Amino acid sequence: MATEKIEQQVLLEKLEQTLAEAELKTKKALESTTKKDPGRIKDLWAAAEASEFSSLIYALAFGMEDSKTITRAVEIGNSSEAIKEAFDALQKTKALLVKGRLEHTLDAYDSLRHATDTLRSAYLSTTRPGKT
């Protein structure tokens, strides 16, 4: 029992780090996309990967493997708006986790999955042939 508590504490600390990294990379992707920086696609990919890794750590920390949360494809009209939406979803995830109550666990995971799905969709929409 004590080992499980220690493992969860380690995962929660790692989750805090990975969420901060995902937020930082998403902010960088937003800035580079807005400025049409040549490295914007790489930045967007890095943000999507960081968010996906945070989602994995979240699932491990809270035992969400059997969650009924559905990953959904997100239609992207404007990459900057989508990245901003993902950034806001990451901030919402962090805010819900700070509250620390059990009923917020699934809401925070939904928000994190939304950020992840949005970033992945934005990345894929920018890498389609004919897009830059």
C-alpha atoms as a PDB file:
ATOM      1  CA  MET A   1       0.000   0.000   0.000  1.00  0.00           C
ATOM      2  CA  ALA A   2       2.789   2.437   0.870  1.00  0.00           C
ATOM      3  CA  THR A   3       4.536   1.623  -2.407  1.00  0.00           C
ATOM      4  CA  GLU A   4       1.404   2.523  -4.391  1.00  0.00           C
ATOM      5  CA  LYS A   5       1.158   5.851  -2.580  1.00  0.00           C
ATOM      6  CA  ILE A   6       4.812   6.609  -3.333  1.00  0.00           C
ATOM      7  CA  GLU A   7       4.340   5.643  -6.992  1.00  0.00           C
ATOM      8  CA  GLN A   8       1.318   7.915  -7.311  1.00  0.00           C
ATOM      9  CA  GLN A   9       3.202  10.788  -5.657  1.00  0.00           C
ATOM     10  CA  VAL A  10       6.070  10.344  -8.139  1.00  0.00           C
ATOM     11  CA  LEU A  11       3.600  10.258 -11.040  1.00  0.00           C
ATOM     12  CA  LEU A  12       1.827  13.383  -9.768  1.00  0.00           C
ATOM     13  CA  GLU A  13       5.145  15.228  -9.557  1.00  0.00           C
ATOM     14  CA  LYS A  14       6.002  14.063 -13.084  1.00  0.00           C
ATOM     15  CA  LEU A  15       2.536  15.138 -14.253  1.00  0.00           C
ATOM     16  CA  GLU A  16       3.122  18.629 -12.910  1.00  0.00           C
ATOM     17  CA  GLN A  17       6.421  18.789 -14.824  1.00  0.00           C
ATOM     18  CA  THR A  18       4.981  17.415 -18.071  1.00  0.00           C
ATOM     19  CA  LEU A  19       1.991  19.765 -17.970  1.00  0.00           C
ATOM     20  CA  ALA A  20       4.327  22.729 -17.483  1.00  0.00           C
ATOM     21  CA  GLU A  21       6.437  21.525 -20.415  1.00  0.00           C
ATOM     22  CA  ALA A  22       3.362  21.033 -22.623  1.00  0.00           C
ATOM     23  CA  GLU A  23       2.123  24.501 -21.729  1.00  0.00           C
ATOM     24  CA  LEU A  24       5.523  26.053 -22.495  1.00  0.00           C
ATOM     25  CA  LYS A  25       5.843  24.242 -25.838  1.00  0.00           C
ATOM     26  CA  THR A  26       2.265  25.128 -26.784  1.00  0.00           C
ATOM     27  CA  LYS A  27       2.950  28.790 -26.027  1.00  0.00           C
ATOM     28  CA  LYS A  28       6.082  28.613 -28.193  1.00  0.00           C
ATOM     29  CA  ALA A  29       4.083  26.972 -31.004  1.00  0.00           C
ATOM     30  CA  LEU A  30       1.468  29.701 -30.776  1.00  0.00           C
ATOM     31  CA  GLU A  31       4.106  32.425 -30.972  1.00  0.00           C
ATOM     32  CA  SER A  32       5.963  30.841 -33.894  1.00  0.00           C
ATOM     33  CA  THR A  33       2.724  30.147 -35.788  1.00  0.00           C
ATOM     34  CA  THR A  34       1.500  33.699 -35.280  1.00  0.00           C
ATOM     35  CA  LYS A  35       4.840  35.063 -36.536  1.00  0.00           C
ATOM     36  CA  LYS A  36       4.936  32.487 -39.382  1.00  0.00           C
ATOM     37  CA  ASP A  37       8.356  31.401 -38.147  1.00  0.00           C
ATOM     38  CA  PRO A  38      10.027  28.751 -40.353  1.00  0.00           C
ATOM     39  CA  GLY A  39      10.227  26.393 -37.352  1.00  0.00           C
ATOM     40  CA  ARG A  40       6.519  26.594 -36.557  1.00  0.00           C
ATOM     41  CA  ILE A  41       5.676  23.082 -37.735  1.00  0.00           C
ATOM     42  CA  LYS A  42       8.429  21.608 -35.562  1.00  0.00           C
ATOM     43  CA  ASP A  43       7.211  23.687 -32.612  1.00  0.00           C
ATOM     44  CA  LEU A  44       3.653  22.493 -33.153  1.00  0.00           C
ATOM     45  CA  TRP A  45       4.826  18.872 -33.324  1.00  0.00           C
ATOM     46  CA  ALA A  46       6.785  19.333 -30.073  1.00  0.00           C
ATOM     47  CA  ALA A  47       3.710  20.804 -28.359  1.00  0.00           C
ATOM     48  CA  ALA A  48       1.518  17.927 -29.543  1.00  0.00           C
ATOM     49  CA  GLU A  49       4.047  15.347 -28.340  1.00  0.00           C
ATOM     50  CA  ALA A  50       4.451  17.046 -24.956  1.00  0.00           C
ATOM     51  CA  SER A  51       0.688  17.153 -24.482  1.00  0.00           C
ATOM     52  CA  GLU A  52       0.374  13.498 -25.486  1.00  0.00           C
ATOM     53  CA  PHE A  53       3.069  12.535 -22.965  1.00  0.00           C
ATOM     54  CA  SER A  54       1.256  14.517 -20.250  1.00  0.00           C
ATOM     55  CA  SER A  55      -1.906  12.626 -21.118  1.00  0.00           C
ATOM     56  CA  LEU A  56      -0.072   9.316 -20.692  1.00  0.00           C
ATOM     57  CA  ILE A  57       1.323  10.343 -17.296  1.00  0.00           C
ATOM     58  CA  TYR A  58      -2.140  11.562 -16.265  1.00  0.00           C
ATOM     59  CA  ALA A  59      -3.695   8.232 -17.228  1.00  0.00           C
ATOM     60  CA  LEU A  60      -1.061   6.356 -15.235  1.00  0.00           C
ATOM     61  CA  ALA A  61      -1.361   8.624 -12.194  1.00  0.00           C
ATOM     62  CA  PHE A  62      -5.138   8.402 -11.969  1.00  0.00           C
ATOM     63  CA  GLY A  63      -5.760   4.936 -13.409  1.00  0.00           C
ATOM     64  CA  MET A  64      -7.616   6.302 -16.427  1.00  0.00           C
ATOM     65  CA  GLU A  65      -6.874   3.287 -18.653  1.00  0.00           C
ATOM     66  CA  ASP A  66     -10.526   2.298 -18.569  1.00  0.00           C
ATOM     67  CA  SER A  67     -11.821   5.844 -18.909  1.00  0.00           C
ATOM     68  CA  LYS A  68     -14.817   6.317 -21.149  1.00  0.00           C
ATOM     69  CA  THR A  69     -13.330   9.546 -22.459  1.00  0.00           C
ATOM     70  CA  ILE A  70     -13.493   9.481 -26.238  1.00  0.00           C
ATOM     71  CA  THR A  71     -10.650  10.899 -28.310  1.00  0.00           C
ATOM     72  CA  ARG A  72     -12.204  12.944 -31.045  1.00  0.00           C
ATOM     73  CA  ALA A  73     -10.859  14.405 -34.227  1.00  0.00           C
ATOM     74  CA  VAL A  74     -10.879  18.186 -34.238  1.00  0.00           C
ATOM     75  CA  GLU A  75     -11.568  20.150 -37.400  1.00  0.00           C
ATOM     76  CA  ILE A  76      -9.022  22.921 -37.754  1.00  0.00           C
ATOM     77  CA  GLY A  77      -9.867  26.170 -39.488  1.00  0.00           C
ATOM     78  CA  ASN A  78      -7.094  28.413 -38.202  1.00  0.00           C
ATOM     79  CA  SER A  79      -3.952  26.927 -36.646  1.00  0.00           C
ATOM     80  CA  SER A  80      -3.329  29.911 -34.355  1.00  0.00           C
ATOM     81  CA  GLU A  81      -6.862  29.745 -32.957  1.00  0.00           C
ATOM     82  CA  ALA A  82      -6.583  25.989 -32.472  1.00  0.00           C
ATOM     83  CA  ILE A  83      -3.251  26.300 -30.664  1.00  0.00           C
ATOM     84  CA  LYS A  84      -4.696  29.043 -28.431  1.00  0.00           C
ATOM     85  CA  GLU A  85      -7.652  26.774 -27.662  1.00  0.00           C
ATOM     86  CA  ALA A  86      -5.252  23.959 -26.736  1.00  0.00           C
ATOM     87  CA  PHE A  87      -3.222  26.332 -24.550  1.00  0.00           C
ATOM     88  CA  ASP A  88      -6.407  27.357 -22.719  1.00  0.00           C
ATOM     89  CA  ALA A  89      -7.357  23.691 -22.271  1.00  0.00           C
ATOM     90  CA  LEU A  90      -3.940  22.957 -20.731  1.00  0.00           C
ATOM     91  CA  GLN A  91      -4.401  25.852 -18.305  1.00  0.00           C
ATOM     92  CA  LYS A  92      -7.872  24.546 -17.422  1.00  0.00           C
ATOM     93  CA  THR A  93      -6.366  21.117 -16.760  1.00  0.00           C
ATOM     94  CA  LYS A  94      -3.830  22.591 -14.365  1.00  0.00           C
ATOM     95  CA  ALA A  95      -6.508  24.659 -12.592  1.00  0.00           C
ATOM     96  CA  LEU A  96      -8.747  21.626 -12.114  1.00  0.00           C
ATOM     97  CA  LEU A  97      -5.850  19.597 -10.738  1.00  0.00           C
ATOM     98  CA  VAL A  98      -5.060  22.316  -8.200  1.00  0.00           C
ATOM     99  CA  LYS A  99      -8.598  21.961  -6.846  1.00  0.00           C
ATOM    100  CA  GLY A 100      -7.627  18.341  -6.193  1.00  0.00           C
ATOM    101  CA  ARG A 101     -11.102  16.937  -5.739  1.00  0.00           C
ATOM    102  CA  LEU A 102     -12.027  13.585  -7.226  1.00  0.00           C
ATOM    103  CA  GLU A 103     -14.936  14.956  -9.268  1.00  0.00           C
ATOM    104  CA  HIS A 104     -12.489  17.186 -11.142  1.00  0.00           C
ATOM    105  CA  THR A 105     -10.249  14.273 -12.184  1.00  0.00           C
ATOM    106  CA  LEU A 106     -12.279  13.294 -15.255  1.00  0.00           C
ATOM    107  CA  ASP A 107     -12.961  16.940 -16.213  1.00  0.00           C
ATOM    108  CA  ALA A 108      -9.215  17.658 -16.081  1.00  0.00           C
ATOM    109  CA  TYR A 109      -8.495  14.570 -18.195  1.00  0.00           C
ATOM    110  CA  ASP A 110     -11.152  15.596 -20.734  1.00  0.00           C
ATOM    111  CA  SER A 111      -9.554  19.030 -20.959  1.00  0.00           C
ATOM    112  CA  LEU A 112      -6.089  17.520 -21.395  1.00  0.00           C
ATOM    113  CA  ARG A 113      -7.345  15.126 -24.097  1.00  0.00           C
ATOM    114  CA  HIS A 114      -9.011  18.063 -25.855  1.00  0.00           C
ATOM    115  CA  ALA A 115      -5.706  19.959 -25.853  1.00  0.00           C
ATOM    116  CA  THR A 116      -3.873  16.879 -27.138  1.00  0.00           C
ATOM    117  CA  ASP A 117      -6.407  16.167 -29.880  1.00  0.00           C
ATOM    118  CA  THR A 118      -6.466  19.816 -30.961  1.00  0.00           C
ATOM    119  CA  LEU A 119      -2.676  20.060 -31.160  1.00  0.00           C
ATOM    120  CA  ARG A 120      -2.424  16.779 -33.064  1.00  0.00           C
ATOM    121  CA  SER A 121      -5.130  17.879 -35.510  1.00  0.00           C
ATOM    122  CA  ALA A 122      -3.468  21.267 -35.977  1.00  0.00           C
ATOM    123  CA  TYR A 123      -0.136  19.584 -36.665  1.00  0.00           C
ATOM    124  CA  LEU A 124      -1.653  17.125 -39.129  1.00  0.00           C
ATOM    125  CA  SER A 125      -3.561  19.894 -40.907  1.00  0.00           C
ATOM    126  CA  THR A 126      -0.346  21.868 -41.400  1.00  0.00           C
ATOM    127  CA  THR A 127       1.577  18.900 -42.788  1.00  0.00           C
ATOM    128  CA  ARG A 128      -0.978  17.950 -45.445  1.00  0.00           C
ATOM    129  CA  PRO A 129       0.212  18.444 -49.005  1.00  0.00           C
ATOM    130  CA  GLY A 130      -0.309  22.031 -50.125  1.00  0.00           C
ATOM    131  CA  LYS A 131      -0.174  23.414 -46.544  1.00  0.00           C
ATOM    132  CA  THR A 132       2.683  25.281 -44.854  1.00  0.00           C
END
